[in-house]
């Protein structure tokens, strides 16, 4: 698979995504076969934003592949403030075999890839969360025998996670429905990209503000209504989004058998505690699959 970086879902083709899903599942089932895949390799991990799953899954995942992870946290400040992103990228490329970056701005990811000389993995930015989407599609593949027949819906606030899910679904041919309150829909550039991909793949792509138009689904995905670092008035948000809460009633009406969430969850807001803790929930399966999906990316980019 010819992959130089892992920056954004829309830079991948259908076969690359399906190959990564298959590799992630193989690494999960046969971890010993990959325990030296990154032997002698070091990965620098830049974190502008705090993290639980991303930090732990990359750190332990790299260790499981026989590699070494170095955490560079918020004490270094925002990329580009203390020194140019180009200098940061060139310096890290002197030492590390790869760069993982969880940043505020997509432009930081693009600059790291442009100016560095080692593979760069986008571990989250304002526009994309490709590691999360890949893990979620690994989870869907584990729960449904034919991934191409799955109907996936995202309900709530359109954000980097819904962008990546929408794009990945459109590229590989999975029907995707996006349900958001008016004024909280997708970035139109992202949506138009997804439409073009879906025209090629044959996926059905629906965007609506009407919960009644959710229709028949296999899996329903939701995420927090207020993103990390957002200063929006909580009272206004709760009033706007209350009809979009994912609960047992929504699951029953859509016929969905699993519910998904990238975490951290704001229980009793976007999802009920009862549903989050139920047997329909695959949130911890997806959390574990972050590690296996990311390991598939690391092996593809860095293994000899």
Protein backbone atom coordinates (compact mmCIF):
# COMPACT_ATOMS: atom_id res chain seq x y z
CA UNK A 1 0.00 0.00 0.00
CA UNK A 2 1.58 3.28 -1.12
CA UNK A 3 0.96 5.58 1.86
CA UNK A 4 3.30 8.43 2.75
CA UNK A 5 1.31 10.06 5.58
CA UNK A 6 -2.04 9.59 7.36
CA UNK A 7 -3.37 13.16 7.40
CA UNK A 8 -7.00 13.22 6.28
CA UNK A 9 -9.67 10.74 5.23
CA UNK A 10 -10.13 12.45 1.87
CA UNK A 11 -6.50 11.69 0.95
CA UNK A 12 -7.16 7.94 1.13
CA UNK A 13 -8.79 5.73 -1.48
CA UNK A 14 -11.23 2.89 -0.93
CA UNK A 15 -8.64 0.11 -1.17
CA UNK A 16 -6.24 1.84 1.24
CA UNK A 17 -9.00 2.19 3.86
CA UNK A 18 -10.17 -1.41 3.45
CA UNK A 19 -6.56 -2.65 3.64
CA UNK A 20 -6.02 -0.67 6.88
CA UNK A 21 -9.23 -2.13 8.38
CA UNK A 22 -8.12 -5.67 7.45
CA UNK A 23 -4.60 -5.08 8.83
CA UNK A 24 -5.97 -3.63 12.09
CA UNK A 25 -8.10 -6.75 12.59
CA UNK A 26 -5.13 -9.01 11.84
CA UNK A 27 -2.86 -7.17 14.30
CA UNK A 28 -5.61 -7.40 16.93
CA UNK A 29 -6.02 -11.15 16.37
CA UNK A 30 -2.29 -11.96 16.01
CA UNK A 31 -0.34 -9.29 17.97
CA UNK A 32 2.75 -11.52 18.35
CA UNK A 33 3.25 -11.47 14.58
CA UNK A 34 3.83 -7.73 14.78
CA UNK A 35 5.73 -7.38 18.07
CA UNK A 36 8.95 -6.35 16.30
CA UNK A 37 7.36 -4.39 13.42
CA UNK A 38 8.73 -1.08 14.77
CA UNK A 39 11.88 -2.46 16.43
CA UNK A 40 14.46 0.33 16.65
CA UNK A 41 11.94 2.97 15.57
CA UNK A 42 10.97 6.04 17.60
CA UNK A 43 7.77 8.07 17.20
CA UNK A 44 7.44 11.66 18.46
CA UNK A 45 3.91 12.42 19.70
CA UNK A 46 2.89 16.11 19.75
CA UNK A 47 -0.13 16.94 21.92
CA UNK A 48 -1.50 20.50 21.86
CA UNK A 49 -4.79 19.22 23.35
CA UNK A 50 -5.27 16.99 26.40
CA UNK A 51 -6.08 13.36 25.75
CA UNK A 52 -6.80 10.01 27.36
CA UNK A 53 -7.52 7.47 24.58
CA UNK A 54 -5.26 9.00 21.93
CA UNK A 55 -2.24 9.29 24.23
CA UNK A 56 -2.61 5.86 25.84
CA UNK A 57 -3.54 4.00 22.62
CA UNK A 58 -0.58 5.40 20.68
CA UNK A 59 1.94 5.02 23.51
CA UNK A 60 1.01 1.43 24.39
CA UNK A 61 0.33 0.54 20.76
CA UNK A 62 3.81 1.66 19.65
CA UNK A 63 5.28 -0.34 22.56
CA UNK A 64 3.35 -3.45 21.44
CA UNK A 65 4.97 -3.07 18.00
CA UNK A 66 8.44 -2.94 19.59
CA UNK A 67 8.88 0.79 19.03
CA UNK A 68 9.52 3.76 21.33
CA UNK A 69 7.08 6.64 21.84
CA UNK A 70 8.07 10.11 23.06
CA UNK A 71 5.30 12.33 24.45
CA UNK A 72 5.58 16.08 23.78
CA UNK A 73 2.80 17.73 25.78
CA UNK A 74 1.22 21.15 26.15
CA UNK A 75 4.26 22.53 28.03
CA UNK A 76 5.77 23.22 24.61
CA UNK A 77 2.87 25.57 23.79
CA UNK A 78 0.94 25.89 20.55
CA UNK A 79 2.79 24.87 17.41
CA UNK A 80 4.24 27.88 15.63
CA UNK A 81 4.41 30.18 18.66
CA UNK A 82 7.77 29.27 20.25
CA UNK A 83 9.30 28.41 16.89
CA UNK A 84 8.06 27.95 13.33
CA UNK A 85 6.18 24.73 12.58
CA UNK A 86 8.66 24.15 9.73
CA UNK A 87 11.58 24.23 12.19
CA UNK A 88 9.70 21.96 14.62
CA UNK A 89 9.10 19.45 11.80
CA UNK A 90 12.71 19.54 10.58
CA UNK A 91 14.10 19.12 14.10
CA UNK A 92 11.84 16.18 14.94
CA UNK A 93 12.73 14.56 11.60
CA UNK A 94 16.39 14.55 12.70
CA UNK A 95 15.56 12.23 15.61
CA UNK A 96 12.23 10.46 15.09
CA UNK A 97 11.08 7.94 12.48
CA UNK A 98 7.52 9.28 12.55
CA UNK A 99 5.39 12.09 14.00
CA UNK A 100 1.95 11.77 15.59
CA UNK A 101 0.23 15.14 16.14
CA UNK A 102 -2.96 16.08 18.00
CA UNK A 103 -3.41 19.77 17.25
CA UNK A 104 -5.89 22.62 17.06
CA UNK A 105 -5.39 23.59 13.40
CA UNK A 106 -5.25 21.36 10.34
CA UNK A 107 -2.66 23.76 8.88
CA UNK A 108 -0.22 22.56 11.58
CA UNK A 109 -0.64 18.95 10.39
CA UNK A 110 -0.11 19.99 6.77
CA UNK A 111 3.02 22.01 7.64
CA UNK A 112 4.50 19.12 9.66
CA UNK A 113 4.04 16.81 6.68
CA UNK A 114 5.31 19.38 4.17
CA UNK A 115 8.46 20.42 6.05
CA UNK A 116 9.33 17.17 7.82
CA UNK A 117 11.02 14.20 6.18
CA UNK A 118 9.22 11.43 8.11
CA UNK A 119 5.61 10.14 8.00
CA UNK A 120 3.04 12.23 9.89
CA UNK A 121 -0.16 10.87 11.47
CA UNK A 122 -3.07 13.19 12.24
CA UNK A 123 -4.27 12.24 15.73
CA UNK A 124 -6.95 14.99 15.63
CA UNK A 125 -7.31 18.52 14.33
CA UNK A 126 -10.18 20.95 13.86
CA UNK A 127 -11.28 19.40 10.55
CA UNK A 128 -10.47 15.69 10.77
CA UNK A 129 -10.16 12.78 13.19
CA UNK A 130 -9.08 9.98 10.82
CA UNK A 131 -7.71 7.67 13.53
CA UNK A 132 -11.10 7.71 15.27
CA UNK A 133 -13.01 7.07 12.04
CA UNK A 134 -10.73 4.19 11.09
CA UNK A 135 -11.21 2.61 14.55
CA UNK A 136 -14.98 3.03 14.21
CA UNK A 137 -15.03 1.31 10.82
CA UNK A 138 -12.93 -1.52 12.28
CA UNK A 139 -15.63 -1.79 14.98
CA UNK A 140 -18.42 -1.80 12.38
CA UNK A 141 -16.58 -4.52 10.43
CA UNK A 142 -16.41 -6.61 13.62
CA UNK A 143 -20.14 -6.20 14.28
CA UNK A 144 -21.57 -6.63 10.78
CA UNK A 145 -20.60 -9.40 8.32
CA UNK A 146 -20.81 -7.11 5.26
CA UNK A 147 -19.42 -3.63 5.91
CA UNK A 148 -20.64 -2.37 2.52
CA UNK A 149 -24.27 -3.05 3.53
CA UNK A 150 -24.09 -1.10 6.82
CA UNK A 151 -26.24 1.99 7.34
CA UNK A 152 -24.54 4.44 9.72
CA UNK A 153 -26.07 7.63 11.14
CA UNK A 154 -24.40 10.42 13.09
CA UNK A 155 -26.74 12.47 15.29
CA UNK A 156 -25.74 15.75 16.96
CA UNK A 157 -23.23 18.52 16.34
CA UNK A 158 -21.27 18.23 13.09
CA UNK A 159 -17.56 18.33 13.91
CA UNK A 160 -14.18 16.79 13.04
CA UNK A 161 -15.42 13.30 14.00
CA UNK A 162 -18.55 13.49 11.83
CA UNK A 163 -16.42 14.91 8.98
CA UNK A 164 -14.10 11.91 9.08
CA UNK A 165 -16.93 9.38 9.44
CA UNK A 166 -18.84 10.99 6.57
CA UNK A 167 -15.82 11.08 4.26
CA UNK A 168 -14.68 7.54 5.08
CA UNK A 169 -18.21 6.19 4.62
CA UNK A 170 -18.56 7.99 1.28
CA UNK A 171 -15.20 6.68 0.02
CA UNK A 172 -15.78 3.01 0.92
CA UNK A 173 -19.47 2.94 -0.03
CA UNK A 174 -21.27 2.89 3.32
CA UNK A 175 -24.65 4.67 3.50
CA UNK A 176 -24.35 7.64 5.87
CA UNK A 177 -27.02 9.88 7.41
CA UNK A 178 -26.09 13.08 9.23
CA UNK A 179 -28.76 14.58 11.52
CA UNK A 180 -27.91 17.97 13.07
CA UNK A 181 -29.87 20.95 14.42
CA UNK A 182 -30.21 23.89 12.01
CA UNK A 183 -27.03 25.96 12.08
CA UNK A 184 -24.95 23.07 13.42
CA UNK A 185 -24.58 21.10 10.20
CA UNK A 186 -21.43 20.04 8.37
CA UNK A 187 -18.73 22.25 6.92
CA UNK A 188 -20.00 22.67 3.34
CA UNK A 189 -16.60 21.99 1.77
CA UNK A 190 -16.45 18.68 3.64
CA UNK A 191 -20.03 17.84 2.69
CA UNK A 192 -19.43 18.59 -1.01
CA UNK A 193 -16.29 16.42 -0.96
CA UNK A 194 -18.32 13.59 0.59
CA UNK A 195 -21.04 13.95 -2.08
CA UNK A 196 -18.42 13.54 -4.84
CA UNK A 197 -16.94 10.46 -3.14
CA UNK A 198 -20.40 8.93 -2.65
CA UNK A 199 -21.24 9.43 -6.34
CA UNK A 200 -18.21 7.30 -7.19
CA UNK A 201 -18.71 4.63 -4.49
CA UNK A 202 -22.50 4.39 -4.71
CA UNK A 203 -23.00 5.26 -1.05
CA UNK A 204 -26.22 7.06 -0.12
CA UNK A 205 -25.44 10.30 1.71
CA UNK A 206 -28.23 12.15 3.56
CA UNK A 207 -28.06 15.37 5.59
CA UNK A 208 -31.16 16.49 7.51
CA UNK A 209 -32.14 18.64 10.48
CA UNK A 210 -35.24 16.48 11.12
CA UNK A 211 -34.91 13.64 13.64
CA UNK A 212 -38.06 12.09 12.13
CA UNK A 213 -36.12 11.65 8.87
CA UNK A 214 -33.50 9.43 10.55
CA UNK A 215 -34.95 6.34 8.89
CA UNK A 216 -33.72 2.74 9.13
CA UNK A 217 -30.18 2.43 10.49
CA UNK A 218 -27.78 -0.29 11.69
CA UNK A 219 -25.59 1.89 13.89
CA UNK A 220 -26.06 5.32 15.44
CA UNK A 221 -23.14 7.52 16.39
CA UNK A 222 -23.11 10.59 18.60
CA UNK A 223 -20.55 12.91 20.17
CA UNK A 224 -20.47 15.69 22.72
CA UNK A 225 -22.47 18.80 21.84
CA UNK A 226 -19.75 21.10 23.12
CA UNK A 227 -16.25 20.48 21.79
CA UNK A 228 -13.14 20.71 23.96
CA UNK A 229 -12.20 24.35 24.52
CA UNK A 230 -15.51 25.70 23.19
CA UNK A 231 -16.91 28.62 25.23
CA UNK A 232 -20.49 28.44 23.91
CA UNK A 233 -23.33 29.14 26.36
CA UNK A 234 -24.26 25.72 27.77
CA UNK A 235 -27.93 26.62 28.39
CA UNK A 236 -28.50 27.62 24.76
CA UNK A 237 -26.77 24.48 23.49
CA UNK A 238 -28.78 22.14 25.73
CA UNK A 239 -32.06 23.72 24.59
CA UNK A 240 -31.12 23.46 20.89
CA UNK A 241 -29.82 19.90 21.06
CA UNK A 242 -32.25 18.25 23.49
CA UNK A 243 -34.43 16.76 20.69
CA UNK A 244 -31.27 15.18 19.24
CA UNK A 245 -30.38 13.08 22.28
CA UNK A 246 -29.62 9.44 21.40
CA UNK A 247 -31.59 7.11 23.70
CA UNK A 248 -33.38 3.76 23.65
CA UNK A 249 -36.39 5.31 21.88
CA UNK A 250 -34.21 6.58 18.99
CA UNK A 251 -32.54 3.15 18.74
CA UNK A 252 -35.92 1.37 18.66
CA UNK A 253 -37.44 3.67 16.02
CA UNK A 254 -34.41 3.35 13.71
CA UNK A 255 -33.89 -0.36 14.31
CA UNK A 256 -30.20 0.27 15.05
CA UNK A 257 -28.48 -2.56 16.92
CA UNK A 258 -25.39 -0.67 18.11
CA UNK A 259 -24.63 2.80 19.43
CA UNK A 260 -21.22 4.46 19.06
CA UNK A 261 -19.46 7.39 20.76
CA UNK A 262 -15.84 8.55 20.54
CA UNK A 263 -15.78 9.67 24.22
CA UNK A 264 -15.55 11.49 26.54
CA UNK A 265 -19.34 11.36 26.82
CA UNK A 266 -21.52 13.95 28.52
CA UNK A 267 -24.06 11.50 29.89
CA UNK A 268 -27.71 12.58 29.90
CA UNK A 269 -26.85 15.18 27.24
CA UNK A 270 -26.07 13.67 23.82
CA UNK A 271 -26.64 10.11 25.09
CA UNK A 272 -28.45 8.60 28.07
CA UNK A 273 -26.44 6.81 30.74
CA UNK A 274 -28.74 3.82 30.32
CA UNK A 275 -27.92 3.47 26.60
CA UNK A 276 -24.20 4.25 27.02
CA UNK A 277 -23.91 1.45 29.61
CA UNK A 278 -26.17 -0.98 27.72
CA UNK A 279 -25.25 -4.05 25.68
CA UNK A 280 -26.01 -2.05 22.51
CA UNK A 281 -23.04 0.19 23.25
CA UNK A 282 -19.73 -0.57 21.50
CA UNK A 283 -17.94 2.52 22.85
CA UNK A 284 -15.22 0.56 24.64
CA UNK A 285 -14.77 -1.79 21.70
CA UNK A 286 -14.15 1.31 19.55
CA UNK A 287 -11.81 2.73 22.20
CA UNK A 288 -9.71 -0.45 22.12
CA UNK A 289 -9.80 -0.43 18.32
CA UNK A 290 -8.17 2.99 18.35
CA UNK A 291 -4.95 1.18 19.27
CA UNK A 292 -5.29 -1.57 16.65
CA UNK A 293 -6.35 0.84 13.90
CA UNK A 294 -3.47 3.20 14.69
CA UNK A 295 -1.07 0.25 14.80
CA UNK A 296 -2.20 -0.67 11.29
CA UNK A 297 -1.34 2.88 10.18
CA UNK A 298 2.03 2.75 11.99
CA UNK A 299 2.94 -0.62 10.48
CA UNK A 300 1.93 0.57 6.99
CA UNK A 301 3.95 3.79 7.26
CA UNK A 302 6.97 2.72 9.31
CA UNK A 303 7.58 -1.04 9.20
CA UNK A 304 10.47 -2.18 6.98
